[in-house]
N, C-alpha and C. Protein backbone atom coordinates (compact mmCIF):
# COMPACT_ATOMS: atom_id res chain seq x y z
N ARG A 1 -25.89 -58.46 -31.83
CA ARG A 1 -25.76 -60.01 -32.04
C ARG A 1 -24.11 -60.31 -31.98
N ASP A 2 -23.30 -59.53 -32.61
CA ASP A 2 -21.92 -59.95 -33.00
C ASP A 2 -21.27 -59.75 -31.61
N GLY A 3 -21.39 -58.76 -30.67
CA GLY A 3 -20.69 -58.66 -29.81
C GLY A 3 -21.14 -58.75 -28.40
N GLY A 4 -22.46 -59.58 -28.54
CA GLY A 4 -23.34 -59.61 -27.20
C GLY A 4 -23.98 -58.41 -27.13
N PRO A 5 -24.64 -58.53 -25.83
CA PRO A 5 -25.51 -57.07 -25.25
C PRO A 5 -24.78 -55.87 -25.59
N GLN A 6 -25.36 -54.91 -26.06
CA GLN A 6 -24.38 -53.52 -25.87
C GLN A 6 -25.44 -52.33 -25.18
N ALA A 7 -24.82 -51.68 -24.79
CA ALA A 7 -25.46 -50.38 -24.03
C ALA A 7 -25.82 -49.38 -25.33
N ILE A 8 -27.29 -49.10 -25.20
CA ILE A 8 -27.74 -48.31 -26.23
C ILE A 8 -27.41 -46.66 -25.65
N ARG A 9 -26.71 -45.89 -26.58
CA ARG A 9 -26.09 -44.90 -26.21
C ARG A 9 -27.08 -43.48 -26.52
N TRP A 10 -28.08 -43.78 -27.56
CA TRP A 10 -28.86 -42.69 -27.81
C TRP A 10 -30.00 -43.29 -28.53
N ILE A 11 -31.31 -42.69 -28.24
CA ILE A 11 -32.57 -43.21 -28.67
C ILE A 11 -33.41 -41.83 -29.28
N GLY A 12 -33.94 -41.99 -30.45
CA GLY A 12 -34.57 -40.80 -30.89
C GLY A 12 -35.75 -41.17 -31.70
N THR A 13 -36.73 -40.15 -31.87
CA THR A 13 -37.86 -40.44 -32.71
C THR A 13 -38.18 -39.65 -33.76
N ARG A 14 -38.63 -39.75 -34.73
CA ARG A 14 -39.09 -38.79 -36.07
C ARG A 14 -40.44 -39.07 -36.22
N HIS A 15 -41.46 -38.22 -35.99
CA HIS A 15 -42.75 -38.33 -36.38
C HIS A 15 -43.00 -37.73 -37.70
N LEU A 16 -43.56 -38.51 -38.61
CA LEU A 16 -43.96 -37.96 -39.95
C LEU A 16 -45.33 -38.04 -40.01
N ASP A 17 -46.16 -36.82 -40.29
CA ASP A 17 -47.69 -36.61 -40.40
C ASP A 17 -48.33 -37.17 -41.88
N ALA A 18 -49.43 -37.09 -41.98
CA ALA A 18 -49.84 -37.38 -43.32
C ALA A 18 -49.54 -36.16 -44.31
N ALA A 19 -49.25 -35.08 -43.93
CA ALA A 19 -48.95 -33.78 -44.90
C ALA A 19 -47.43 -34.14 -45.46
N THR A 20 -46.58 -34.38 -44.58
CA THR A 20 -45.28 -34.64 -44.64
C THR A 20 -45.01 -35.86 -45.64
N LEU A 21 -46.09 -36.95 -45.33
CA LEU A 21 -45.63 -38.04 -46.20
C LEU A 21 -46.41 -37.87 -47.68
N ALA A 22 -47.32 -37.10 -47.76
CA ALA A 22 -48.01 -36.70 -49.02
C ALA A 22 -46.90 -35.79 -49.85
N ASP A 23 -46.38 -34.76 -49.18
CA ASP A 23 -45.45 -34.03 -49.74
C ASP A 23 -43.99 -34.61 -50.10
N ASN A 24 -43.54 -35.69 -49.24
CA ASN A 24 -42.33 -36.48 -49.54
C ASN A 24 -42.41 -38.01 -49.41
N PRO A 25 -43.00 -38.30 -50.70
CA PRO A 25 -43.47 -40.04 -50.76
C PRO A 25 -42.31 -40.87 -50.65
N LYS A 26 -41.07 -40.32 -51.04
CA LYS A 26 -39.93 -41.13 -50.48
C LYS A 26 -39.83 -41.21 -48.93
N LEU A 27 -40.28 -40.80 -48.33
CA LEU A 27 -40.16 -40.96 -46.84
C LEU A 27 -41.24 -41.76 -46.15
N ARG A 28 -42.14 -42.46 -47.17
CA ARG A 28 -43.19 -43.50 -46.74
C ARG A 28 -42.86 -44.72 -46.26
N PRO A 29 -42.98 -45.29 -45.19
CA PRO A 29 -42.36 -46.45 -44.85
C PRO A 29 -42.54 -47.58 -45.65
N VAL A 30 -41.68 -48.72 -45.29
CA VAL A 30 -41.89 -49.87 -46.04
C VAL A 30 -42.26 -51.05 -45.28
N ARG A 31 -43.46 -51.79 -45.70
CA ARG A 31 -43.97 -52.93 -44.86
C ARG A 31 -43.34 -54.34 -45.45
N ILE A 32 -42.64 -55.00 -44.39
CA ILE A 32 -42.19 -56.47 -44.46
C ILE A 32 -43.16 -57.28 -44.07
N ARG A 33 -43.81 -58.09 -44.79
CA ARG A 33 -44.98 -58.89 -44.29
C ARG A 33 -44.31 -60.06 -43.55
N ALA A 34 -44.76 -60.65 -42.59
CA ALA A 34 -44.33 -62.02 -41.88
C ALA A 34 -44.08 -63.00 -42.96
N GLY A 35 -42.68 -63.44 -42.81
CA GLY A 35 -42.30 -64.47 -43.73
C GLY A 35 -41.73 -64.10 -45.29
N ALA A 36 -41.55 -62.84 -45.40
CA ALA A 36 -41.36 -62.15 -46.52
C ALA A 36 -39.82 -62.47 -46.82
N LEU A 37 -39.13 -62.41 -46.17
CA LEU A 37 -37.61 -62.52 -46.01
C LEU A 37 -37.26 -64.02 -46.14
N GLY A 38 -38.07 -65.00 -45.58
CA GLY A 38 -37.59 -66.33 -45.75
C GLY A 38 -37.56 -66.74 -44.35
N GLU A 39 -37.83 -68.25 -44.11
CA GLU A 39 -37.45 -68.97 -42.86
C GLU A 39 -38.58 -68.15 -41.90
N GLY A 40 -39.67 -67.88 -42.44
CA GLY A 40 -40.72 -67.58 -41.23
C GLY A 40 -40.28 -65.88 -40.81
N LEU A 41 -39.39 -65.29 -41.54
CA LEU A 41 -38.90 -63.88 -41.01
C LEU A 41 -39.30 -62.83 -41.75
N PRO A 42 -39.67 -61.68 -41.29
CA PRO A 42 -40.00 -61.43 -39.77
C PRO A 42 -41.21 -62.40 -39.28
N GLN A 43 -41.38 -62.44 -38.00
CA GLN A 43 -42.18 -63.42 -37.28
C GLN A 43 -43.53 -62.49 -37.62
N ALA A 44 -43.57 -61.38 -37.46
CA ALA A 44 -44.94 -60.52 -37.75
C ALA A 44 -44.46 -59.31 -38.63
N ASP A 45 -45.48 -58.87 -39.21
CA ASP A 45 -45.30 -57.54 -39.96
C ASP A 45 -44.54 -56.67 -39.21
N LEU A 46 -43.48 -55.93 -40.41
CA LEU A 46 -42.45 -55.19 -39.73
C LEU A 46 -42.62 -53.97 -40.66
N ILE A 47 -42.44 -52.57 -40.01
CA ILE A 47 -42.50 -51.42 -40.59
C ILE A 47 -41.20 -50.83 -40.36
N VAL A 48 -40.66 -50.28 -41.48
CA VAL A 48 -39.26 -49.73 -41.46
C VAL A 48 -39.29 -48.45 -42.37
N SER A 49 -38.39 -47.52 -41.92
CA SER A 49 -38.15 -46.46 -43.12
C SER A 49 -37.38 -46.89 -44.24
N PRO A 50 -37.64 -46.23 -45.48
CA PRO A 50 -37.03 -46.71 -46.64
C PRO A 50 -35.72 -46.95 -46.65
N GLN A 51 -35.02 -46.25 -45.98
CA GLN A 51 -33.53 -46.55 -45.87
C GLN A 51 -32.94 -47.32 -45.06
N HIS A 52 -33.82 -47.86 -43.83
CA HIS A 52 -33.41 -48.75 -43.08
C HIS A 52 -33.05 -50.13 -43.63
N ARG A 53 -31.70 -50.66 -43.27
CA ARG A 53 -31.28 -51.77 -44.10
C ARG A 53 -31.76 -52.92 -43.27
N MET A 54 -32.08 -54.12 -44.02
CA MET A 54 -32.08 -55.56 -43.48
C MET A 54 -31.13 -56.26 -43.92
N LEU A 55 -30.78 -57.42 -42.92
CA LEU A 55 -29.60 -58.17 -43.29
C LEU A 55 -30.13 -59.16 -44.53
N VAL A 56 -29.23 -59.48 -45.25
CA VAL A 56 -29.54 -60.40 -46.28
C VAL A 56 -28.73 -61.55 -46.45
N ARG A 57 -28.81 -62.74 -46.05
CA ARG A 57 -28.05 -63.76 -46.06
C ARG A 57 -28.28 -64.89 -47.08
N SER A 58 -27.36 -64.91 -47.78
CA SER A 58 -27.46 -66.05 -49.02
C SER A 58 -26.26 -66.16 -49.88
N ARG A 59 -26.18 -67.35 -50.47
CA ARG A 59 -25.31 -67.59 -51.39
C ARG A 59 -24.92 -66.63 -52.26
N ILE A 60 -26.14 -66.13 -52.94
CA ILE A 60 -26.24 -65.17 -53.92
C ILE A 60 -25.31 -63.82 -53.48
N ALA A 61 -25.67 -63.34 -52.26
CA ALA A 61 -24.77 -62.25 -51.75
C ALA A 61 -23.38 -62.78 -51.87
N LEU A 62 -23.15 -63.95 -51.09
CA LEU A 62 -21.86 -64.37 -51.31
C LEU A 62 -21.08 -64.31 -52.79
N LYS A 63 -21.69 -64.73 -53.57
CA LYS A 63 -21.33 -64.73 -54.82
C LYS A 63 -20.91 -63.42 -55.56
N MET A 64 -22.01 -62.40 -55.26
CA MET A 64 -21.96 -60.79 -55.58
C MET A 64 -21.00 -60.13 -54.88
N PHE A 65 -20.92 -60.26 -53.60
CA PHE A 65 -20.07 -59.27 -52.66
C PHE A 65 -19.07 -60.00 -51.91
N GLY A 66 -18.93 -61.25 -52.09
CA GLY A 66 -17.90 -62.07 -51.50
C GLY A 66 -18.04 -62.09 -49.82
N ALA A 67 -19.30 -61.98 -49.49
CA ALA A 67 -19.86 -61.96 -47.94
C ALA A 67 -21.25 -62.58 -48.21
N MET A 68 -21.35 -63.66 -47.14
CA MET A 68 -22.68 -64.18 -47.07
C MET A 68 -23.73 -63.29 -46.71
N GLU A 69 -23.34 -62.42 -45.78
CA GLU A 69 -24.46 -61.46 -45.12
C GLU A 69 -24.10 -59.93 -45.50
N VAL A 70 -25.17 -59.21 -46.02
CA VAL A 70 -25.04 -57.99 -46.44
C VAL A 70 -26.20 -57.21 -45.70
N LEU A 71 -26.05 -55.87 -45.69
CA LEU A 71 -27.31 -55.16 -45.50
C LEU A 71 -27.71 -54.19 -46.65
N VAL A 72 -29.09 -54.25 -46.82
CA VAL A 72 -29.76 -53.71 -48.07
C VAL A 72 -30.95 -53.03 -47.60
N ALA A 73 -31.03 -51.50 -48.03
CA ALA A 73 -32.05 -50.60 -47.71
C ALA A 73 -33.34 -51.19 -48.02
N ALA A 74 -34.27 -51.15 -47.23
CA ALA A 74 -35.77 -51.67 -47.40
C ALA A 74 -36.23 -51.40 -48.83
N ARG A 75 -36.13 -49.97 -49.06
CA ARG A 75 -36.58 -49.71 -50.43
C ARG A 75 -36.14 -50.32 -51.50
N GLN A 76 -34.96 -51.07 -51.73
CA GLN A 76 -34.43 -51.81 -52.37
C GLN A 76 -35.17 -53.23 -52.58
N LEU A 77 -35.82 -53.48 -51.66
CA LEU A 77 -36.23 -54.94 -51.46
C LEU A 77 -37.86 -55.07 -51.77
N CYS A 78 -38.44 -54.09 -52.30
CA CYS A 78 -39.91 -53.77 -52.68
C CYS A 78 -40.18 -54.77 -53.98
N GLN A 79 -39.34 -55.39 -54.75
CA GLN A 79 -39.69 -56.45 -55.74
C GLN A 79 -40.02 -57.88 -55.10
N ILE A 80 -39.57 -57.97 -53.89
CA ILE A 80 -39.89 -59.12 -53.17
C ILE A 80 -41.29 -59.39 -53.00
N GLU A 81 -42.02 -60.16 -53.16
CA GLU A 81 -43.33 -60.55 -52.54
C GLU A 81 -43.53 -60.41 -51.05
N GLY A 82 -44.63 -59.53 -50.69
CA GLY A 82 -44.75 -59.29 -49.31
C GLY A 82 -43.81 -57.99 -48.80
N ILE A 83 -43.21 -57.46 -49.82
CA ILE A 83 -42.47 -56.31 -49.09
C ILE A 83 -42.77 -55.16 -49.99
N ASP A 84 -43.37 -54.13 -49.48
CA ASP A 84 -43.92 -53.03 -50.38
C ASP A 84 -43.97 -51.83 -49.57
N VAL A 85 -44.25 -50.52 -50.23
CA VAL A 85 -44.35 -49.33 -49.67
C VAL A 85 -45.64 -49.30 -48.92
N ALA A 86 -45.61 -48.84 -47.67
CA ALA A 86 -46.97 -48.73 -46.89
C ALA A 86 -47.73 -47.66 -46.97
N ASP A 87 -48.41 -47.62 -48.23
CA ASP A 87 -49.13 -46.33 -48.62
C ASP A 87 -50.51 -46.17 -47.97
N ASP A 88 -50.88 -47.23 -47.11
CA ASP A 88 -51.78 -47.24 -46.32
C ASP A 88 -52.05 -46.45 -44.97
N LEU A 89 -50.77 -46.11 -44.40
CA LEU A 89 -50.53 -45.51 -43.46
C LEU A 89 -50.56 -44.11 -43.51
N ASP A 90 -51.48 -43.19 -42.46
CA ASP A 90 -51.45 -41.90 -42.60
C ASP A 90 -50.44 -40.99 -41.76
N SER A 91 -49.61 -41.77 -40.92
CA SER A 91 -48.40 -41.18 -40.37
C SER A 91 -47.75 -42.42 -39.83
N VAL A 92 -46.37 -41.80 -39.41
CA VAL A 92 -45.44 -43.13 -38.97
C VAL A 92 -44.53 -42.26 -38.05
N THR A 93 -44.07 -43.13 -37.01
CA THR A 93 -42.99 -42.47 -36.13
C THR A 93 -41.97 -43.49 -36.35
N TYR A 94 -40.69 -43.03 -36.57
CA TYR A 94 -39.41 -43.73 -36.74
C TYR A 94 -38.72 -43.84 -35.67
N VAL A 95 -38.28 -44.75 -35.02
CA VAL A 95 -37.34 -44.92 -33.67
C VAL A 95 -36.02 -45.12 -34.28
N HIS A 96 -35.09 -44.58 -33.68
CA HIS A 96 -33.80 -44.70 -34.02
C HIS A 96 -32.93 -45.14 -32.92
N PHE A 97 -32.00 -45.78 -32.86
CA PHE A 97 -31.00 -46.01 -31.60
C PHE A 97 -29.48 -46.33 -32.16
N LEU A 98 -28.66 -45.85 -31.47
CA LEU A 98 -27.15 -46.01 -31.75
C LEU A 98 -26.54 -46.57 -30.44
N PHE A 99 -25.61 -47.28 -30.82
CA PHE A 99 -24.71 -48.05 -30.15
C PHE A 99 -23.26 -47.41 -30.13
N ASP A 100 -22.32 -47.92 -29.37
CA ASP A 100 -21.12 -47.24 -29.70
C ASP A 100 -20.45 -47.63 -31.01
N ALA A 101 -20.97 -48.63 -31.70
CA ALA A 101 -20.51 -48.99 -32.67
C ALA A 101 -21.82 -49.65 -33.75
N HIS A 102 -21.88 -49.47 -34.90
CA HIS A 102 -22.93 -50.06 -35.71
C HIS A 102 -23.18 -51.54 -35.38
N GLN A 103 -24.44 -51.85 -35.41
CA GLN A 103 -24.72 -53.16 -34.76
C GLN A 103 -25.70 -53.97 -35.68
N ILE A 104 -25.80 -55.29 -35.55
CA ILE A 104 -26.89 -56.04 -36.09
C ILE A 104 -27.83 -56.31 -34.88
N VAL A 105 -29.04 -55.98 -35.25
CA VAL A 105 -29.94 -56.23 -34.08
C VAL A 105 -31.37 -56.81 -34.64
N TRP A 106 -32.13 -57.43 -33.90
CA TRP A 106 -33.44 -58.07 -34.26
C TRP A 106 -34.67 -57.16 -34.16
N ALA A 107 -35.31 -57.28 -35.13
CA ALA A 107 -36.68 -56.92 -35.23
C ALA A 107 -37.65 -57.57 -35.70
N ASN A 108 -38.63 -57.99 -34.69
CA ASN A 108 -39.64 -59.08 -35.17
C ASN A 108 -39.03 -60.56 -35.68
N GLY A 109 -37.82 -60.63 -35.09
CA GLY A 109 -37.26 -61.90 -35.42
C GLY A 109 -36.12 -61.89 -36.42
N ALA A 110 -36.10 -60.68 -37.34
CA ALA A 110 -35.74 -60.45 -38.54
C ALA A 110 -34.30 -59.69 -38.16
N GLU A 111 -33.06 -59.76 -38.99
CA GLU A 111 -32.08 -59.07 -38.24
C GLU A 111 -31.81 -57.88 -39.14
N SER A 112 -31.63 -56.84 -38.49
CA SER A 112 -31.33 -55.52 -39.11
C SER A 112 -30.48 -54.84 -38.60
N GLU A 113 -30.45 -53.46 -38.83
CA GLU A 113 -29.03 -52.62 -38.22
C GLU A 113 -29.70 -51.37 -37.05
N SER A 114 -28.71 -51.29 -36.14
CA SER A 114 -28.87 -50.03 -35.56
C SER A 114 -28.68 -48.76 -36.62
N LEU A 115 -28.74 -47.64 -35.78
CA LEU A 115 -28.60 -46.37 -36.87
C LEU A 115 -27.19 -46.36 -37.02
N PHE A 116 -26.84 -46.27 -38.33
CA PHE A 116 -25.53 -46.12 -39.00
C PHE A 116 -25.43 -44.60 -38.96
N SER A 117 -23.98 -44.34 -38.42
CA SER A 117 -23.91 -42.74 -37.97
C SER A 117 -23.17 -42.28 -39.29
N GLY A 118 -23.29 -42.70 -40.50
CA GLY A 118 -22.85 -41.89 -41.72
C GLY A 118 -23.64 -40.68 -41.83
N VAL A 119 -22.99 -39.79 -42.77
CA VAL A 119 -23.66 -38.28 -43.21
C VAL A 119 -25.17 -38.42 -43.61
N GLU A 120 -25.30 -39.34 -44.48
CA GLU A 120 -26.89 -39.50 -44.93
C GLU A 120 -27.97 -39.97 -43.97
N ALA A 121 -27.55 -40.77 -42.80
CA ALA A 121 -28.20 -41.18 -41.75
C ALA A 121 -28.48 -40.23 -40.88
N LEU A 122 -27.30 -39.33 -40.20
CA LEU A 122 -27.54 -38.17 -39.52
C LEU A 122 -28.51 -36.98 -40.28
N ARG A 123 -28.48 -36.81 -41.45
CA ARG A 123 -29.43 -35.84 -41.94
C ARG A 123 -30.84 -36.22 -42.06
N SER A 124 -31.06 -37.64 -41.72
CA SER A 124 -32.43 -37.90 -41.68
C SER A 124 -33.11 -38.08 -40.37
N VAL A 125 -32.24 -37.71 -39.27
CA VAL A 125 -32.83 -37.63 -37.84
C VAL A 125 -33.20 -36.25 -37.42
N GLY A 126 -32.76 -35.16 -38.34
CA GLY A 126 -33.01 -33.74 -37.75
C GLY A 126 -31.83 -33.16 -37.08
N PRO A 127 -31.97 -31.63 -37.15
CA PRO A 127 -31.00 -31.22 -36.28
C PRO A 127 -30.82 -31.19 -34.85
N ALA A 128 -32.03 -31.43 -34.37
CA ALA A 128 -32.00 -31.38 -32.69
C ALA A 128 -31.44 -32.79 -32.45
N ALA A 129 -31.75 -33.72 -33.25
CA ALA A 129 -31.27 -35.00 -32.89
C ALA A 129 -29.81 -35.09 -33.17
N VAL A 130 -29.27 -34.48 -34.27
CA VAL A 130 -27.69 -34.50 -34.55
C VAL A 130 -27.01 -33.77 -33.62
N ALA A 131 -27.50 -32.75 -32.82
CA ALA A 131 -26.94 -32.04 -31.72
C ALA A 131 -26.86 -32.94 -30.74
N GLU A 132 -27.89 -33.71 -30.42
CA GLU A 132 -27.68 -34.95 -29.06
C GLU A 132 -26.62 -35.70 -29.56
N ILE A 133 -26.65 -36.28 -30.67
CA ILE A 133 -25.65 -37.19 -31.02
C ILE A 133 -24.19 -36.67 -30.78
N PHE A 134 -24.08 -35.70 -31.46
CA PHE A 134 -22.70 -34.91 -31.30
C PHE A 134 -22.19 -34.63 -29.99
N ALA A 135 -23.14 -34.42 -29.07
CA ALA A 135 -22.86 -34.22 -27.67
C ALA A 135 -22.40 -35.40 -27.16
N ILE A 136 -22.76 -36.59 -27.44
CA ILE A 136 -22.46 -37.98 -27.05
C ILE A 136 -21.22 -38.50 -27.70
N PHE A 137 -21.14 -38.30 -29.04
CA PHE A 137 -20.10 -38.77 -29.91
C PHE A 137 -19.45 -37.50 -30.70
N PRO A 138 -18.68 -36.76 -30.02
CA PRO A 138 -18.12 -35.35 -30.42
C PRO A 138 -17.09 -35.93 -31.71
N GLU A 139 -16.69 -37.12 -31.62
CA GLU A 139 -15.76 -37.55 -32.74
C GLU A 139 -16.44 -37.41 -34.26
N LEU A 140 -17.95 -37.71 -34.08
CA LEU A 140 -18.53 -37.74 -35.33
C LEU A 140 -18.60 -36.47 -36.16
N ARG A 141 -18.48 -35.44 -35.26
CA ARG A 141 -18.73 -34.14 -35.96
C ARG A 141 -17.53 -33.77 -36.95
N ASP A 142 -16.52 -33.96 -36.99
CA ASP A 142 -15.26 -33.57 -37.82
C ASP A 142 -14.63 -34.73 -38.56
N ARG A 143 -15.14 -35.86 -38.39
CA ARG A 143 -14.65 -37.10 -39.10
C ARG A 143 -14.40 -36.91 -40.57
N THR A 144 -13.41 -37.60 -41.20
CA THR A 144 -13.23 -37.60 -42.54
C THR A 144 -13.55 -38.74 -43.42
N GLU A 145 -13.98 -39.60 -42.56
CA GLU A 145 -14.44 -40.94 -43.10
C GLU A 145 -15.61 -41.69 -42.40
N LEU A 146 -16.23 -42.62 -43.15
CA LEU A 146 -17.27 -43.14 -42.51
C LEU A 146 -16.89 -44.19 -41.47
N PRO A 147 -17.59 -44.38 -40.56
CA PRO A 147 -17.42 -45.33 -39.21
C PRO A 147 -17.68 -46.69 -40.07
N PRO A 148 -16.95 -47.86 -39.45
CA PRO A 148 -17.10 -49.14 -39.97
C PRO A 148 -18.43 -49.70 -39.85
N SER A 149 -19.02 -50.16 -40.75
CA SER A 149 -20.35 -50.85 -40.58
C SER A 149 -20.53 -52.30 -40.23
N ALA A 150 -21.49 -52.82 -39.70
CA ALA A 150 -21.46 -54.10 -39.16
C ALA A 150 -21.51 -55.19 -40.19
N ARG A 151 -21.91 -54.72 -41.52
CA ARG A 151 -21.88 -55.57 -42.56
C ARG A 151 -21.66 -54.60 -43.49
N GLU A 152 -21.34 -55.17 -44.83
CA GLU A 152 -21.33 -54.71 -46.06
C GLU A 152 -22.58 -53.73 -46.57
N LEU A 153 -22.48 -52.43 -46.72
CA LEU A 153 -23.80 -51.86 -47.18
C LEU A 153 -23.97 -51.80 -48.57
N VAL A 154 -24.80 -52.48 -48.98
CA VAL A 154 -25.12 -52.62 -50.45
C VAL A 154 -26.26 -51.62 -50.74
N SER A 155 -26.05 -50.66 -51.52
CA SER A 155 -26.91 -49.50 -51.99
C SER A 155 -27.48 -49.64 -53.47
N GLY A 156 -28.45 -48.70 -53.64
CA GLY A 156 -28.69 -48.40 -55.30
C GLY A 156 -28.95 -49.68 -55.98
N ARG A 157 -28.27 -49.45 -57.30
CA ARG A 157 -28.30 -50.46 -58.17
C ARG A 157 -27.91 -51.85 -57.89
N LEU A 158 -26.99 -52.02 -56.86
CA LEU A 158 -26.27 -53.14 -56.72
C LEU A 158 -27.42 -53.85 -55.79
N GLY A 159 -27.93 -53.21 -54.63
CA GLY A 159 -29.10 -53.63 -53.94
C GLY A 159 -30.10 -54.16 -54.83
N ARG A 160 -30.72 -53.57 -55.73
CA ARG A 160 -31.78 -53.94 -56.70
C ARG A 160 -31.18 -55.33 -57.47
N ASN A 161 -29.99 -55.20 -58.09
CA ASN A 161 -29.51 -56.14 -58.59
C ASN A 161 -29.54 -57.56 -57.74
N LEU A 162 -29.35 -57.46 -56.65
CA LEU A 162 -29.30 -58.50 -55.59
C LEU A 162 -30.67 -59.22 -55.53
N VAL A 163 -31.44 -58.16 -55.24
CA VAL A 163 -32.94 -58.67 -55.19
C VAL A 163 -33.49 -59.34 -56.49
N VAL A 164 -33.09 -58.85 -57.51
CA VAL A 164 -33.42 -59.21 -58.94
C VAL A 164 -33.04 -60.85 -59.05
N ARG A 165 -31.78 -61.17 -58.56
CA ARG A 165 -31.35 -62.40 -58.68
C ARG A 165 -32.04 -63.15 -57.92
N HIS A 166 -32.16 -62.69 -56.75
CA HIS A 166 -33.16 -63.52 -55.78
C HIS A 166 -34.56 -64.11 -56.16
N CYS A 167 -35.07 -63.02 -57.03
CA CYS A 167 -36.37 -63.36 -57.47
C CYS A 167 -36.44 -64.25 -58.81
N GLN A 168 -35.26 -64.08 -59.54
CA GLN A 168 -35.16 -64.92 -60.80
C GLN A 168 -34.62 -66.25 -60.28
N ASN A 169 -34.06 -66.38 -59.08
CA ASN A 169 -33.68 -67.68 -58.83
C ASN A 169 -34.52 -68.60 -57.90
N ARG A 170 -35.79 -67.50 -57.54
CA ARG A 170 -36.82 -67.91 -56.51
C ARG A 170 -36.13 -68.41 -55.04
N LYS A 171 -35.16 -67.49 -54.61
CA LYS A 171 -34.47 -67.79 -53.34
C LYS A 171 -34.83 -66.79 -52.37
N PRO A 172 -35.01 -67.40 -51.26
CA PRO A 172 -35.30 -66.26 -49.81
C PRO A 172 -34.11 -65.26 -49.83
N LEU A 173 -34.43 -64.11 -49.15
CA LEU A 173 -33.26 -63.34 -48.89
C LEU A 173 -32.60 -63.76 -47.75
N ILE A 174 -33.12 -64.59 -46.85
CA ILE A 174 -32.64 -65.38 -45.66
C ILE A 174 -32.46 -66.97 -45.88
N ALA A 175 -31.26 -67.22 -46.37
CA ALA A 175 -31.18 -68.84 -46.63
C ALA A 175 -30.22 -69.53 -45.68
């Protein structure tokens, strides 16, 4: 979105079967129902990993973080009506993709993120995928700081507080 069309440098998948999801409920996907973010977004139900970040655009974000747009992990959005853990799925295949830099992308009409090449994200894709990523981006192997993110990454308590304020004020996440 920000820099126009970008070349995808890496695509990977991770399949989680029923046993894996049962043993690790924190890996269960999050379902974002059509319209749950506001303004008819997403346009159709969207299934994402719990740590996958969605773009929040609001005056509440501006007041809290000094930026109209921030990225918040899907698991932090589950207090919003129409967003919940997809307990009904027996398995899931997550698709990850990397650009030269972290990007804002569209998923079913809603703005989201490409894979962020931070330490935690790289742990989530598995060792074989990390080896592939390091072959393409050797500079990621020994870095001492996080790469720049496309927007501020709001996590944990701050993400939940943002959602609570949206609920209290009855404001959509995309305004």
